[in-house]
Amino acid sequence: MQTEKLSISLPAPLVQFVEEYKQAHQCKSRAVVIEEALELLRQRELEQDYREASREVDPAWEVATADGLADETW
């Protein structure tokens, strides 16, 4: 994967947490810690999107699943 350099400013407590996490989990750099955190945020948003999508009702699907055929018919 191609990477880009990004400069960020964080409050001291977050920097300390990143450093402690890096050491505790033998991460190669702070960037790896930030990358893991961003991937978790991405995953959380994706899960939220799936939850919202599952709440949507598709009338065509409801008709198809209520056609009276049991699984055994297939």
Protein backbone atom coordinates (compact mmCIF):
# COMPACT_ATOMS: atom_id res chain seq x y z
CA MET A 1 0.00 0.00 0.00
CA GLN A 2 1.30 3.42 -0.88
CA THR A 3 1.62 5.78 2.07
CA GLU A 4 1.62 9.53 2.48
CA LYS A 5 3.27 11.53 5.20
CA LEU A 6 0.91 13.35 7.51
CA SER A 7 1.75 15.66 10.38
CA ILE A 8 -0.68 15.84 13.31
CA SER A 9 -0.78 17.62 16.64
CA LEU A 10 -2.16 15.79 19.66
CA PRO A 11 -2.65 16.69 23.30
CA ALA A 12 0.14 15.41 25.55
CA PRO A 13 -2.02 12.69 27.17
CA LEU A 14 -2.81 11.19 23.77
CA VAL A 15 0.83 11.27 22.73
CA GLN A 16 1.70 9.50 25.97
CA PHE A 17 -0.99 6.89 25.30
CA VAL A 18 0.30 6.32 21.77
CA GLU A 19 3.84 5.87 23.06
CA GLU A 20 2.74 3.49 25.83
CA TYR A 21 0.64 1.48 23.38
CA LYS A 22 3.55 1.33 20.94
CA GLN A 23 5.84 -0.09 23.60
CA ALA A 24 3.28 -2.47 25.11
CA HIS A 25 2.35 -3.95 21.73
CA GLN A 26 5.81 -3.81 20.13
CA CYS A 27 4.63 -1.55 17.31
CA LYS A 28 7.41 -0.32 15.05
CA SER A 29 6.35 3.31 15.20
CA ARG A 30 3.74 5.75 16.41
CA ALA A 31 2.40 5.78 12.88
CA VAL A 32 1.49 2.09 13.23
CA VAL A 33 -0.48 2.88 16.38
CA ILE A 34 -2.34 5.72 14.66
CA GLU A 35 -3.00 3.50 11.64
CA GLU A 36 -4.50 0.78 13.87
CA ALA A 37 -6.70 3.35 15.58
CA LEU A 38 -7.94 4.71 12.25
CA GLU A 39 -8.69 1.21 10.99
CA LEU A 40 -10.80 0.61 14.12
CA LEU A 41 -12.70 3.84 13.43
CA ARG A 42 -13.27 2.74 9.83
CA GLN A 43 -14.52 -0.65 11.00
CA ARG A 44 -16.86 0.97 13.53
CA GLU A 45 -18.38 3.17 10.83
CA LEU A 46 -18.78 0.21 8.49
CA GLU A 47 -20.53 -1.77 11.21
CA GLN A 48 -22.84 1.18 11.84
CA ASP A 49 -23.63 1.41 8.12
CA TYR A 50 -24.48 -2.31 8.04
CA ARG A 51 -26.74 -1.94 11.08
CA GLU A 52 -28.58 0.96 9.43
CA ALA A 53 -28.91 -0.95 6.16
CA SER A 54 -30.31 -4.00 7.94
CA ARG A 55 -33.06 -1.83 9.42
CA GLU A 56 -34.25 -0.81 5.97
CA VAL A 57 -37.14 -2.86 4.71
CA ASP A 58 -37.23 -3.81 1.04
CA PRO A 59 -40.87 -4.54 0.09
CA ALA A 60 -39.78 -6.75 -2.83
CA TRP A 61 -37.69 -8.88 -0.48
CA GLU A 62 -40.55 -9.14 2.01
CA VAL A 63 -42.81 -10.46 -0.78
CA ALA A 64 -40.18 -12.94 -1.93
CA THR A 65 -39.57 -14.30 1.55
CA ALA A 66 -43.30 -14.56 2.26
CA ASP A 67 -44.08 -16.59 -0.87
CA GLY A 68 -45.13 -19.60 1.17
CA LEU A 69 -42.28 -21.84 0.03
CA ALA A 70 -40.39 -23.58 2.77
CA ASP A 71 -36.62 -24.11 2.61
CA GLU A 72 -37.27 -27.79 2.05
CA THR A 73 -39.01 -26.98 -1.25
CA TRP A 74 -35.68 -25.98 -2.75
